[in-house]
């Protein structure tokens, strides 16, 4: 199987999973997280860095494929938990730079309670 096709399949599989409360925001991008009326957000994980190859948020700048910010989960939880909606921005200015020279992303796992 061609490497490009593997990336497409990985992204497609991940996108199907995103409907279950997980999504990725590429570095320098933003997204809104929301729950239905009467429910609030409960973030279980918010990982900023890069833990996969170049299929997720592809870039020519992928020096490190195993780096995470040590405080990103607590930051995302502080921004979102207990709220009906929140806005997230994937930036080194918020989460620090766990791997200089590598294009990163924010992967968030949440539920609505």
C-alpha atoms as a PDB file:
ATOM      1  CA  UNK A   1       0.000   0.000   0.000  1.00  0.00           C
ATOM      2  CA  UNK A   2       1.365   3.437  -0.908  1.00  0.00           C
ATOM      3  CA  UNK A   3       2.415   5.667   2.040  1.00  0.00           C
ATOM      4  CA  UNK A   4      -0.040   8.366   0.952  1.00  0.00           C
ATOM      5  CA  UNK A   5      -2.941   5.901   1.012  1.00  0.00           C
ATOM      6  CA  UNK A   6      -1.949   4.774   4.521  1.00  0.00           C
ATOM      7  CA  UNK A   7      -2.137   8.395   5.692  1.00  0.00           C
ATOM      8  CA  UNK A   8      -5.532   8.880   4.109  1.00  0.00           C
ATOM      9  CA  UNK A   9      -6.853   5.736   5.774  1.00  0.00           C
ATOM     10  CA  UNK A  10      -5.441   6.777   9.164  1.00  0.00           C
ATOM     11  CA  UNK A  11      -7.035  10.205   8.931  1.00  0.00           C
ATOM     12  CA  UNK A  12     -10.345   8.722   7.796  1.00  0.00           C
ATOM     13  CA  UNK A  13     -10.341   6.294  10.717  1.00  0.00           C
ATOM     14  CA  UNK A  14      -9.497   9.057  13.143  1.00  0.00           C
ATOM     15  CA  UNK A  15     -12.220  11.311  11.786  1.00  0.00           C
ATOM     16  CA  UNK A  16     -14.774   8.558  12.356  1.00  0.00           C
ATOM     17  CA  UNK A  17     -13.592   8.333  15.957  1.00  0.00           C
ATOM     18  CA  UNK A  18     -13.781  12.125  16.372  1.00  0.00           C
ATOM     19  CA  UNK A  19     -17.568  11.891  16.566  1.00  0.00           C
ATOM     20  CA  UNK A  20     -17.102   9.995  19.829  1.00  0.00           C
ATOM     21  CA  UNK A  21     -15.444  12.931  21.614  1.00  0.00           C
ATOM     22  CA  UNK A  22     -11.908  13.138  20.270  1.00  0.00           C
ATOM     23  CA  UNK A  23     -10.511  15.630  17.821  1.00  0.00           C
ATOM     24  CA  UNK A  24      -7.254  17.206  16.662  1.00  0.00           C
ATOM     25  CA  UNK A  25      -6.432  20.867  16.112  1.00  0.00           C
ATOM     26  CA  UNK A  26      -3.297  21.505  14.041  1.00  0.00           C
ATOM     27  CA  UNK A  27      -0.813  24.059  15.400  1.00  0.00           C
ATOM     28  CA  UNK A  28      -1.862  27.702  14.887  1.00  0.00           C
ATOM     29  CA  UNK A  29      -5.496  26.665  14.327  1.00  0.00           C
ATOM     30  CA  UNK A  30      -8.505  27.018  16.608  1.00  0.00           C
ATOM     31  CA  UNK A  31     -11.707  25.106  17.213  1.00  0.00           C
ATOM     32  CA  UNK A  32     -14.842  25.267  19.335  1.00  0.00           C
ATOM     33  CA  UNK A  33     -15.811  22.441  21.628  1.00  0.00           C
ATOM     34  CA  UNK A  34     -19.455  22.190  22.689  1.00  0.00           C
ATOM     35  CA  UNK A  35     -22.046  19.978  24.299  1.00  0.00           C
ATOM     36  CA  UNK A  36     -25.817  19.783  23.841  1.00  0.00           C
ATOM     37  CA  UNK A  37     -27.954  22.125  25.947  1.00  0.00           C
ATOM     38  CA  UNK A  38     -27.992  21.106  29.598  1.00  0.00           C
ATOM     39  CA  UNK A  39     -24.669  19.247  29.405  1.00  0.00           C
ATOM     40  CA  UNK A  40     -21.145  20.395  30.263  1.00  0.00           C
ATOM     41  CA  UNK A  41     -17.701  19.485  29.001  1.00  0.00           C
ATOM     42  CA  UNK A  42     -15.448  17.030  30.779  1.00  0.00           C
ATOM     43  CA  UNK A  43     -11.978  16.867  29.187  1.00  0.00           C
ATOM     44  CA  UNK A  44     -10.098  13.674  29.999  1.00  0.00           C
ATOM     45  CA  UNK A  45      -7.024  14.473  27.903  1.00  0.00           C
ATOM     46  CA  UNK A  46      -5.540  17.420  26.042  1.00  0.00           C
ATOM     47  CA  UNK A  47      -2.175  16.526  24.541  1.00  0.00           C
ATOM     48  CA  UNK A  48      -0.168  19.217  22.732  1.00  0.00           C
ATOM     49  CA  UNK A  49       2.848  18.038  20.767  1.00  0.00           C
ATOM     50  CA  UNK A  50       3.278  15.173  18.320  1.00  0.00           C
ATOM     51  CA  UNK A  51       2.843  11.520  19.157  1.00  0.00           C
ATOM     52  CA  UNK A  52       2.240  10.114  15.673  1.00  0.00           C
ATOM     53  CA  UNK A  53       4.015  10.260  12.362  1.00  0.00           C
ATOM     54  CA  UNK A  54       3.358  12.819   9.684  1.00  0.00           C
ATOM     55  CA  UNK A  55      -0.148  11.614   8.721  1.00  0.00           C
ATOM     56  CA  UNK A  56      -1.830  13.839  11.328  1.00  0.00           C
ATOM     57  CA  UNK A  57      -1.340  17.539  10.537  1.00  0.00           C
ATOM     58  CA  UNK A  58       1.282  16.810   7.842  1.00  0.00           C
ATOM     59  CA  UNK A  59       4.271  19.134   7.597  1.00  0.00           C
ATOM     60  CA  UNK A  60       7.838  19.276   6.327  1.00  0.00           C
ATOM     61  CA  UNK A  61       8.823  20.226   9.902  1.00  0.00           C
ATOM     62  CA  UNK A  62       8.590  16.996  11.852  1.00  0.00           C
ATOM     63  CA  UNK A  63      11.877  16.630  13.714  1.00  0.00           C
ATOM     64  CA  UNK A  64      10.414  14.818  16.717  1.00  0.00           C
ATOM     65  CA  UNK A  65       7.536  12.323  16.635  1.00  0.00           C
ATOM     66  CA  UNK A  66       7.362  11.680  20.374  1.00  0.00           C
ATOM     67  CA  UNK A  67       6.921  14.901  22.333  1.00  0.00           C
ATOM     68  CA  UNK A  68       4.176  16.294  24.532  1.00  0.00           C
ATOM     69  CA  UNK A  69       3.646  19.339  26.691  1.00  0.00           C
ATOM     70  CA  UNK A  70       3.615  18.353  30.363  1.00  0.00           C
ATOM     71  CA  UNK A  71       0.803  20.745  31.313  1.00  0.00           C
ATOM     72  CA  UNK A  72      -1.499  20.707  28.269  1.00  0.00           C
ATOM     73  CA  UNK A  73      -4.192  18.474  29.788  1.00  0.00           C
ATOM     74  CA  UNK A  74      -4.582  20.693  32.861  1.00  0.00           C
ATOM     75  CA  UNK A  75      -4.689  23.827  30.679  1.00  0.00           C
ATOM     76  CA  UNK A  76      -7.435  22.416  28.425  1.00  0.00           C
ATOM     77  CA  UNK A  77      -9.362  21.196  31.472  1.00  0.00           C
ATOM     78  CA  UNK A  78      -9.145  24.671  33.012  1.00  0.00           C
ATOM     79  CA  UNK A  79     -10.412  26.267  29.809  1.00  0.00           C
ATOM     80  CA  UNK A  80     -13.272  23.838  29.170  1.00  0.00           C
ATOM     81  CA  UNK A  81     -14.392  21.656  32.074  1.00  0.00           C
ATOM     82  CA  UNK A  82     -17.805  22.522  33.471  1.00  0.00           C
ATOM     83  CA  UNK A  83     -18.673  24.786  30.516  1.00  0.00           C
ATOM     84  CA  UNK A  84     -21.161  24.181  27.743  1.00  0.00           C
ATOM     85  CA  UNK A  85     -18.718  25.514  25.103  1.00  0.00           C
ATOM     86  CA  UNK A  86     -15.096  26.566  24.926  1.00  0.00           C
ATOM     87  CA  UNK A  87     -12.654  27.802  22.319  1.00  0.00           C
ATOM     88  CA  UNK A  88      -9.252  26.151  21.948  1.00  0.00           C
ATOM     89  CA  UNK A  89      -6.185  27.380  20.083  1.00  0.00           C
ATOM     90  CA  UNK A  90      -3.224  25.078  19.380  1.00  0.00           C
ATOM     91  CA  UNK A  91      -0.234  27.290  20.122  1.00  0.00           C
ATOM     92  CA  UNK A  92       3.177  27.124  21.761  1.00  0.00           C
ATOM     93  CA  UNK A  93       2.237  30.398  23.477  1.00  0.00           C
ATOM     94  CA  UNK A  94      -0.407  28.548  25.486  1.00  0.00           C
ATOM     95  CA  UNK A  95       1.114  25.080  26.024  1.00  0.00           C
ATOM     96  CA  UNK A  96       4.853  25.702  25.652  1.00  0.00           C
ATOM     97  CA  UNK A  97       7.081  24.200  22.994  1.00  0.00           C
ATOM     98  CA  UNK A  98       7.830  20.557  23.830  1.00  0.00           C
ATOM     99  CA  UNK A  99       9.652  19.959  20.533  1.00  0.00           C
ATOM    100  CA  UNK A 100      11.161  22.980  18.755  1.00  0.00           C
ATOM    101  CA  UNK A 101      11.335  22.550  14.992  1.00  0.00           C
ATOM    102  CA  UNK A 102       8.352  20.183  14.911  1.00  0.00           C
ATOM    103  CA  UNK A 103       4.863  21.115  13.714  1.00  0.00           C
ATOM    104  CA  UNK A 104       2.556  20.125  16.562  1.00  0.00           C
ATOM    105  CA  UNK A 105      -1.141  19.551  17.213  1.00  0.00           C
ATOM    106  CA  UNK A 106      -3.568  19.504  20.131  1.00  0.00           C
ATOM    107  CA  UNK A 107      -5.459  16.234  20.569  1.00  0.00           C
ATOM    108  CA  UNK A 108      -8.435  16.536  22.900  1.00  0.00           C
ATOM    109  CA  UNK A 109     -10.604  13.742  24.327  1.00  0.00           C
ATOM    110  CA  UNK A 110     -13.804  14.786  26.072  1.00  0.00           C
ATOM    111  CA  UNK A 111     -17.288  13.777  27.098  1.00  0.00           C
ATOM    112  CA  UNK A 112     -20.458  15.743  27.795  1.00  0.00           C
ATOM    113  CA  UNK A 113     -21.923  15.152  31.246  1.00  0.00           C
END
